[in-house]
Every structure is written in structure tokens, then in C-alpha cells.
Amino acid sequence: MKIRQWHIGALVLAGAAAGALAACNDQVPILATPETRGVTLDAGPAAADPQLARQLSELKQSTAKYHDLDVAMEDYPGLVIIEGLTSPDGCVSDAAAGGMGYHYAGAVALDDEVDFRTPELLVYAPVEGGPRTDPQGNPRARLAAFDYFIPYSDTWPDGGTAPTSEDMGLAIDPPIDFAPSRFGGWMFHIWLWEHNPDGMFSNWNSAVPLCEDSPY
């Protein structure tokens, strides 16, 4: 099974899933580990709100299949690579803020609508310790988080009022704002399959290894 790499110039991530993408090259897949336990929901925000706990449990159950990258590629077939914003292999990190990983897009449109049940991007974190690649030279990574992405537009202008977790139907009280990003839109992450010491809903994860050759 091979995946596509979406090589995107500058700040045009908003158009990635809409149609005209730059070169789509055949590449072997990033490997996901078989670890499927994920983050427990008996602590943190979920423990204080039964509705939020139910929502996260629903999301966890519906996305467990994506630990198998062959299955994930049926819905999220494209590894996003943005020149000047990601590492050459697509990894995303920030030396000051922390790590993220590899983002896969595809089935969910990048538009003004977000729903916690259907993330726009799957996030696979680099594996810590040992070689960063397998014997064939492919990155080693595991399912870690989900990225909910809203392009900057007249509805959600850059520098204007940010969308919130409430807009995606997530029962967080009080709601959490989406964050502006360097990728041409607002972002909100849920670290449901990887512990984040900075918080399940933080965009960056200080426990995730930084990318090699990252421009940031």
C-alpha cells in the first residue's frame, strides 16, 4: 500500500482538500504502532463533565481503526507537506512550542464547518527513541491526535474573532478558542491517543519529539 504526499506551496493548506493540489507522489506509508489504549478519560476536563467524557469516548471508539494506516488511508490518503512550513518529510514542530507530527488529510472538506466527530486531519507523532526511520528509510510514527482546521475567510477572518470548541459541538466549559496558525487558518487539536502534558486540547505537545530539519 502506498500513500500520496501533498506538496503545497506557501500558505495554501486551505485549498489542499478542495481539489487542485501540487504534485501527488507515490510514497510508502508512515508506520503506526499497534498501541491502541490512548489517553484515559478519568482525569482532566472529561472527568468534570459527563457529556464531554461521552463525546471523547465516542471519538475514541470511532478512530481506533486509524492505528492501522492502511485503514486510515481510505479516509485520509494525503500526507501534507508545505514548503517552508513543515520538514521536507511533512513533520510539523516548533522549537519553542513543542511537537505535533505528520498530518494526513483527505475526506473532510476544509471549510467553515467543523465537527468533533470528523477531524479534518489525523496527526501521527514521531516515535521517540531509536531510529527515526525504519530499515527502508520511512518515518516511524503513531496515531496521536486530531487537527480541526478552519481556513481564514470572511467568516473567520485572520486576527478577528476565533472559532471555539463550541462551534465544533464539543462540550468544553468554558469553550476554548481555536488558535491562529502559520498554515492559513485556525487550528484546534485533541490529543486523544497520546498524552499531552500541556493539556489534551493544547495545539502543541512538549512530549512529542521535534522534527528533523524543521524550519521552525
C-alpha atoms as a PDB file:
ATOM      1  CA  MET A   1       0.000   0.000   0.000  1.00  0.00           C
ATOM      2  CA  LYS A   2       1.290   3.427  -0.938  1.00  0.00           C
ATOM      3  CA  ILE A   3       0.187   6.879   0.155  1.00  0.00           C
ATOM      4  CA  ARG A   4       0.226  10.216  -1.573  1.00  0.00           C
ATOM      5  CA  GLN A   5       2.260  13.194  -0.489  1.00  0.00           C
ATOM      6  CA  TRP A   6       0.609  16.568  -0.973  1.00  0.00           C
ATOM      7  CA  HIS A   7       3.371  19.093  -1.699  1.00  0.00           C
ATOM      8  CA  ILE A   8       1.825  22.504  -1.136  1.00  0.00           C
ATOM      9  CA  GLY A   9       3.446  25.883  -1.727  1.00  0.00           C
ATOM     10  CA  ALA A  10       3.316  28.605   0.939  1.00  0.00           C
ATOM     11  CA  LEU A  11       0.038  29.276   2.798  1.00  0.00           C
ATOM     12  CA  VAL A  12      -2.411  27.261   0.734  1.00  0.00           C
ATOM     13  CA  LEU A  13      -3.308  24.442   3.125  1.00  0.00           C
ATOM     14  CA  ALA A  14      -6.873  25.730   2.974  1.00  0.00           C
ATOM     15  CA  GLY A  15      -7.103  24.506  -0.604  1.00  0.00           C
ATOM     16  CA  ALA A  16      -5.496  21.144  -0.030  1.00  0.00           C
ATOM     17  CA  ALA A  17      -8.631  19.062   0.275  1.00  0.00           C
ATOM     18  CA  ALA A  18     -10.651  21.211  -2.074  1.00  0.00           C
ATOM     19  CA  GLY A  19      -9.133  19.907  -5.270  1.00  0.00           C
ATOM     20  CA  ALA A  20      -6.102  21.216  -7.075  1.00  0.00           C
ATOM     21  CA  LEU A  21      -3.084  20.050  -5.145  1.00  0.00           C
ATOM     22  CA  ALA A  22       0.504  20.214  -6.200  1.00  0.00           C
ATOM     23  CA  ALA A  23       2.330  17.034  -7.149  1.00  0.00           C
ATOM     24  CA  CYS A  24       0.922  13.838  -5.607  1.00  0.00           C
ATOM     25  CA  ASN A  25       3.787  11.363  -5.474  1.00  0.00           C
ATOM     26  CA  ASP A  26       3.609   7.678  -4.573  1.00  0.00           C
ATOM     27  CA  GLN A  27       5.398   7.013  -1.302  1.00  0.00           C
ATOM     28  CA  VAL A  28       5.457   4.171   1.195  1.00  0.00           C
ATOM     29  CA  PRO A  29       3.399   4.822   4.334  1.00  0.00           C
ATOM     30  CA  ILE A  30       4.434   6.095   7.718  1.00  0.00           C
ATOM     31  CA  LEU A  31       4.141   3.212  10.148  1.00  0.00           C
ATOM     32  CA  ALA A  32       1.632   3.336  13.002  1.00  0.00           C
ATOM     33  CA  THR A  33       2.335   1.247  16.082  1.00  0.00           C
ATOM     34  CA  PRO A  34      -0.319  -1.213  17.285  1.00  0.00           C
ATOM     35  CA  GLU A  35      -0.733   0.734  20.557  1.00  0.00           C
ATOM     36  CA  THR A  36      -4.443   1.435  20.940  1.00  0.00           C
ATOM     37  CA  ARG A  37      -5.005   2.304  24.602  1.00  0.00           C
ATOM     38  CA  GLY A  38      -4.803   6.049  24.188  1.00  0.00           C
ATOM     39  CA  VAL A  39      -5.415   8.629  26.882  1.00  0.00           C
ATOM     40  CA  THR A  40      -7.620   7.675  29.817  1.00  0.00           C
ATOM     41  CA  LEU A  41     -10.750   9.785  30.246  1.00  0.00           C
ATOM     42  CA  ASP A  42     -10.987   9.549  34.034  1.00  0.00           C
ATOM     43  CA  ALA A  43      -8.928  12.693  34.669  1.00  0.00           C
ATOM     44  CA  GLY A  44      -8.769  16.264  33.431  1.00  0.00           C
ATOM     45  CA  PRO A  45     -11.689  18.088  31.744  1.00  0.00           C
ATOM     46  CA  ALA A  46     -13.528  14.878  30.835  1.00  0.00           C
ATOM     47  CA  ALA A  47     -13.733  13.830  34.483  1.00  0.00           C
ATOM     48  CA  ALA A  48     -15.584  17.033  35.363  1.00  0.00           C
ATOM     49  CA  ASP A  49     -18.171  16.809  32.583  1.00  0.00           C
ATOM     50  CA  PRO A  50     -20.002  13.556  31.775  1.00  0.00           C
ATOM     51  CA  GLN A  51     -21.159  14.908  28.400  1.00  0.00           C
ATOM     52  CA  LEU A  52     -17.593  15.721  27.359  1.00  0.00           C
ATOM     53  CA  ALA A  53     -16.465  12.298  28.548  1.00  0.00           C
ATOM     54  CA  ARG A  54     -19.134  10.662  26.388  1.00  0.00           C
ATOM     55  CA  GLN A  55     -18.117  12.719  23.375  1.00  0.00           C
ATOM     56  CA  LEU A  56     -14.441  11.860  23.737  1.00  0.00           C
ATOM     57  CA  SER A  57     -15.294   8.210  24.266  1.00  0.00           C
ATOM     58  CA  GLU A  58     -17.338   8.274  21.053  1.00  0.00           C
ATOM     59  CA  LEU A  59     -14.432   9.861  19.184  1.00  0.00           C
ATOM     60  CA  LYS A  60     -12.012   7.344  20.639  1.00  0.00           C
ATOM     61  CA  GLN A  61     -14.125   4.393  19.543  1.00  0.00           C
ATOM     62  CA  SER A  62     -14.678   5.725  16.029  1.00  0.00           C
ATOM     63  CA  THR A  63     -10.993   6.477  15.421  1.00  0.00           C
ATOM     64  CA  ALA A  64      -9.288   3.428  16.948  1.00  0.00           C
ATOM     65  CA  LYS A  65      -9.250   1.878  13.473  1.00  0.00           C
ATOM     66  CA  TYR A  66      -6.835   4.578  12.314  1.00  0.00           C
ATOM     67  CA  HIS A  67      -3.963   2.961  14.196  1.00  0.00           C
ATOM     68  CA  ASP A  68      -3.881   0.788  11.086  1.00  0.00           C
ATOM     69  CA  LEU A  69      -2.540   3.140   8.443  1.00  0.00           C
ATOM     70  CA  ASP A  70      -3.949   1.016   5.638  1.00  0.00           C
ATOM     71  CA  VAL A  71      -7.399   1.754   7.061  1.00  0.00           C
ATOM     72  CA  ALA A  72      -6.587   5.424   7.705  1.00  0.00           C
ATOM     73  CA  MET A  73      -5.527   5.895   4.088  1.00  0.00           C
ATOM     74  CA  GLU A  74      -9.045   5.019   2.937  1.00  0.00           C
ATOM     75  CA  ASP A  75     -10.325   8.239   4.542  1.00  0.00           C
ATOM     76  CA  TYR A  76      -7.183  10.378   4.860  1.00  0.00           C
ATOM     77  CA  PRO A  77      -4.973   9.491   1.874  1.00  0.00           C
ATOM     78  CA  GLY A  78      -2.700  12.545   1.735  1.00  0.00           C
ATOM     79  CA  LEU A  79       0.378  13.379   3.819  1.00  0.00           C
ATOM     80  CA  VAL A  80       0.524  17.190   3.854  1.00  0.00           C
ATOM     81  CA  ILE A  81       3.916  18.732   3.064  1.00  0.00           C
ATOM     82  CA  ILE A  82       4.130  22.531   2.884  1.00  0.00           C
ATOM     83  CA  GLU A  83       7.346  24.073   1.645  1.00  0.00           C
ATOM     84  CA  GLY A  84       8.866  26.343   4.277  1.00  0.00           C
ATOM     85  CA  LEU A  85       6.341  25.382   6.966  1.00  0.00           C
ATOM     86  CA  THR A  86       6.935  21.666   7.536  1.00  0.00           C
ATOM     87  CA  SER A  87      10.002  19.476   7.458  1.00  0.00           C
ATOM     88  CA  PRO A  88      10.780  18.084   3.996  1.00  0.00           C
ATOM     89  CA  ASP A  89       9.052  14.838   5.023  1.00  0.00           C
ATOM     90  CA  GLY A  90       5.939  16.675   6.293  1.00  0.00           C
ATOM     91  CA  CYS A  91       6.654  16.633  10.031  1.00  0.00           C
ATOM     92  CA  VAL A  92       5.396  19.672  11.987  1.00  0.00           C
ATOM     93  CA  SER A  93       7.019  21.017  15.144  1.00  0.00           C
ATOM     94  CA  ASP A  94       8.095  24.263  16.782  1.00  0.00           C
ATOM     95  CA  ALA A  95      11.297  24.515  18.793  1.00  0.00           C
ATOM     96  CA  ALA A  96       9.663  26.903  21.259  1.00  0.00           C
ATOM     97  CA  ALA A  97       6.168  25.392  21.488  1.00  0.00           C
ATOM     98  CA  GLY A  98       6.703  21.649  21.059  1.00  0.00           C
ATOM     99  CA  GLY A  99       5.928  18.862  18.638  1.00  0.00           C
ATOM    100  CA  MET A 100       2.960  17.780  16.544  1.00  0.00           C
ATOM    101  CA  GLY A 101       3.882  15.303  13.849  1.00  0.00           C
ATOM    102  CA  TYR A 102       2.667  14.213  10.425  1.00  0.00           C
ATOM    103  CA  HIS A 103      -0.740  15.447   9.224  1.00  0.00           C
ATOM    104  CA  TYR A 104      -2.943  13.405   6.891  1.00  0.00           C
ATOM    105  CA  ALA A 105      -5.886  14.997   5.058  1.00  0.00           C
ATOM    106  CA  GLY A 106      -8.467  13.832   2.589  1.00  0.00           C
ATOM    107  CA  ALA A 107     -12.121  13.078   3.105  1.00  0.00           C
ATOM    108  CA  VAL A 108     -13.204  16.032   5.269  1.00  0.00           C
ATOM    109  CA  ALA A 109     -13.540  19.373   3.497  1.00  0.00           C
ATOM    110  CA  LEU A 110     -11.501  22.295   4.755  1.00  0.00           C
ATOM    111  CA  ASP A 111     -14.241  24.898   5.098  1.00  0.00           C
ATOM    112  CA  ASP A 112     -16.094  26.952   7.723  1.00  0.00           C
ATOM    113  CA  GLU A 113     -17.722  23.872   9.257  1.00  0.00           C
ATOM    114  CA  VAL A 114     -16.115  21.706  11.956  1.00  0.00           C
ATOM    115  CA  ASP A 115     -17.489  18.738  13.885  1.00  0.00           C
ATOM    116  CA  PHE A 116     -15.565  16.989  16.639  1.00  0.00           C
ATOM    117  CA  ARG A 117     -16.695  13.624  15.218  1.00  0.00           C
ATOM    118  CA  THR A 118     -14.937  14.216  11.880  1.00  0.00           C
ATOM    119  CA  PRO A 119     -11.473  15.780  12.225  1.00  0.00           C
ATOM    120  CA  GLU A 120     -10.024  17.450   9.157  1.00  0.00           C
ATOM    121  CA  LEU A 121      -6.586  15.937   9.771  1.00  0.00           C
ATOM    122  CA  LEU A 122      -5.146  12.880  11.505  1.00  0.00           C
ATOM    123  CA  VAL A 123      -1.898  13.552  13.382  1.00  0.00           C
ATOM    124  CA  TYR A 124       0.790  10.869  13.719  1.00  0.00           C
ATOM    125  CA  ALA A 125       3.591  11.649  16.189  1.00  0.00           C
ATOM    126  CA  PRO A 126       7.200  10.626  15.549  1.00  0.00           C
ATOM    127  CA  VAL A 127       8.279   7.657  17.658  1.00  0.00           C
ATOM    128  CA  GLU A 128      10.618   8.697  20.467  1.00  0.00           C
ATOM    129  CA  GLY A 129      13.828   6.718  20.953  1.00  0.00           C
ATOM    130  CA  GLY A 130      15.630   4.534  18.479  1.00  0.00           C
ATOM    131  CA  PRO A 131      15.927   5.325  14.791  1.00  0.00           C
ATOM    132  CA  ARG A 132      13.591   7.922  13.311  1.00  0.00           C
ATOM    133  CA  THR A 133      13.108   5.736  10.245  1.00  0.00           C
ATOM    134  CA  ASP A 134      12.616   2.045   9.557  1.00  0.00           C
ATOM    135  CA  PRO A 135      15.151  -0.046   7.570  1.00  0.00           C
ATOM    136  CA  GLN A 136      13.548   1.165   4.337  1.00  0.00           C
ATOM    137  CA  GLY A 137      14.018   4.812   5.339  1.00  0.00           C
ATOM    138  CA  ASN A 138      10.370   5.524   6.143  1.00  0.00           C
ATOM    139  CA  PRO A 139       9.445   7.719   9.150  1.00  0.00           C
ATOM    140  CA  ARG A 140       8.264   5.847  12.241  1.00  0.00           C
ATOM    141  CA  ALA A 141       5.127   7.368  13.792  1.00  0.00           C
ATOM    142  CA  ARG A 142       1.949   6.523  15.700  1.00  0.00           C
ATOM    143  CA  LEU A 143      -1.588   7.899  15.809  1.00  0.00           C
ATOM    144  CA  ALA A 144      -1.589  10.676  18.395  1.00  0.00           C
ATOM    145  CA  ALA A 145      -4.108  13.463  17.794  1.00  0.00           C
ATOM    146  CA  PHE A 146      -6.707  15.112  15.588  1.00  0.00           C
ATOM    147  CA  ASP A 147      -6.438  18.534  13.988  1.00  0.00           C
ATOM    148  CA  TYR A 148      -9.617  20.527  13.385  1.00  0.00           C
ATOM    149  CA  PHE A 149      -8.856  23.218  10.824  1.00  0.00           C
ATOM    150  CA  ILE A 150     -10.827  26.245   9.585  1.00  0.00           C
ATOM    151  CA  PRO A 151      -9.266  28.333   6.781  1.00  0.00           C
ATOM    152  CA  TYR A 152      -9.120  32.080   7.256  1.00  0.00           C
ATOM    153  CA  SER A 153     -12.114  33.592   5.451  1.00  0.00           C
ATOM    154  CA  ASP A 154     -14.698  36.351   5.657  1.00  0.00           C
ATOM    155  CA  THR A 155     -16.474  34.152   8.198  1.00  0.00           C
ATOM    156  CA  TRP A 156     -13.411  33.581  10.372  1.00  0.00           C
ATOM    157  CA  PRO A 157     -11.001  36.402   9.471  1.00  0.00           C
ATOM    158  CA  ASP A 158      -7.329  36.321  10.361  1.00  0.00           C
ATOM    159  CA  GLY A 159      -6.907  38.371  13.517  1.00  0.00           C
ATOM    160  CA  GLY A 160     -10.655  38.527  14.110  1.00  0.00           C
ATOM    161  CA  THR A 161     -12.943  36.557  16.364  1.00  0.00           C
ATOM    162  CA  ALA A 162     -11.708  32.997  16.707  1.00  0.00           C
ATOM    163  CA  PRO A 163     -13.972  29.971  16.378  1.00  0.00           C
ATOM    164  CA  THR A 164     -14.304  27.965  19.579  1.00  0.00           C
ATOM    165  CA  SER A 165     -14.743  24.380  20.708  1.00  0.00           C
ATOM    166  CA  GLU A 166     -18.462  25.151  20.967  1.00  0.00           C
ATOM    167  CA  ASP A 167     -18.588  25.644  17.184  1.00  0.00           C
ATOM    168  CA  MET A 168     -17.489  22.038  16.708  1.00  0.00           C
ATOM    169  CA  GLY A 169     -20.074  20.717  19.163  1.00  0.00           C
ATOM    170  CA  LEU A 170     -17.603  19.831  21.905  1.00  0.00           C
ATOM    171  CA  ALA A 171     -18.947  20.295  25.445  1.00  0.00           C
ATOM    172  CA  ILE A 172     -15.993  22.131  26.996  1.00  0.00           C
ATOM    173  CA  ASP A 173     -16.983  24.664  29.663  1.00  0.00           C
ATOM    174  CA  PRO A 174     -15.852  27.347  29.243  1.00  0.00           C
ATOM    175  CA  PRO A 175     -15.245  26.954  25.484  1.00  0.00           C
ATOM    176  CA  ILE A 176     -11.664  27.012  24.200  1.00  0.00           C
ATOM    177  CA  ASP A 177     -10.691  29.230  21.261  1.00  0.00           C
ATOM    178  CA  PHE A 178      -9.149  27.844  18.114  1.00  0.00           C
ATOM    179  CA  ALA A 179      -5.621  29.218  17.651  1.00  0.00           C
ATOM    180  CA  PRO A 180      -4.310  31.118  14.635  1.00  0.00           C
ATOM    181  CA  SER A 181      -1.676  29.156  12.759  1.00  0.00           C
ATOM    182  CA  ARG A 182       1.059  29.608  10.189  1.00  0.00           C
ATOM    183  CA  PHE A 183      -0.887  27.322   7.847  1.00  0.00           C
ATOM    184  CA  GLY A 184      -3.507  29.809   6.657  1.00  0.00           C
ATOM    185  CA  GLY A 185      -6.236  29.033   9.147  1.00  0.00           C
ATOM    186  CA  TRP A 186      -7.420  28.338  12.692  1.00  0.00           C
ATOM    187  CA  MET A 187      -6.436  25.089  14.396  1.00  0.00           C
ATOM    188  CA  PHE A 188      -7.673  23.036  17.350  1.00  0.00           C
ATOM    189  CA  HIS A 189      -6.071  19.746  18.429  1.00  0.00           C
ATOM    190  CA  ILE A 190      -7.381  16.893  20.549  1.00  0.00           C
ATOM    191  CA  TRP A 191      -4.593  14.634  21.847  1.00  0.00           C
ATOM    192  CA  LEU A 192      -6.778  11.601  22.398  1.00  0.00           C
ATOM    193  CA  TRP A 193      -4.236   8.890  21.588  1.00  0.00           C
ATOM    194  CA  GLU A 194      -1.086  10.481  23.030  1.00  0.00           C
ATOM    195  CA  HIS A 195      -0.606  12.022  26.474  1.00  0.00           C
ATOM    196  CA  ASN A 196      -0.009  15.755  26.297  1.00  0.00           C
ATOM    197  CA  PRO A 197       1.477  17.240  29.495  1.00  0.00           C
ATOM    198  CA  ASP A 198       0.379  20.657  28.218  1.00  0.00           C
ATOM    199  CA  GLY A 199      -3.276  19.565  28.106  1.00  0.00           C
ATOM    200  CA  MET A 200      -5.425  17.373  25.877  1.00  0.00           C
ATOM    201  CA  PHE A 201      -6.629  20.426  23.926  1.00  0.00           C
ATOM    202  CA  SER A 202      -3.268  22.185  23.537  1.00  0.00           C
ATOM    203  CA  ASN A 203      -2.140  22.518  19.949  1.00  0.00           C
ATOM    204  CA  TRP A 204       1.483  21.645  20.659  1.00  0.00           C
ATOM    205  CA  ASN A 205       2.793  18.740  22.712  1.00  0.00           C
ATOM    206  CA  SER A 206       6.079  19.205  24.564  1.00  0.00           C
ATOM    207  CA  ALA A 207       6.401  15.420  24.953  1.00  0.00           C
ATOM    208  CA  VAL A 208       6.379  14.771  21.197  1.00  0.00           C
ATOM    209  CA  PRO A 209       9.847  14.692  19.604  1.00  0.00           C
ATOM    210  CA  LEU A 210      10.766  17.679  17.466  1.00  0.00           C
ATOM    211  CA  CYS A 211      11.081  17.116  13.737  1.00  0.00           C
ATOM    212  CA  GLU A 212      14.362  16.765  11.951  1.00  0.00           C
ATOM    213  CA  ASP A 213      15.162  19.603   9.522  1.00  0.00           C
ATOM    214  CA  SER A 214      12.175  21.643  10.700  1.00  0.00           C
ATOM    215  CA  PRO A 215      12.128  25.289   9.527  1.00  0.00           C
ATOM    216  CA  TYR A 216      10.740  26.260  12.968  1.00  0.00           C
END
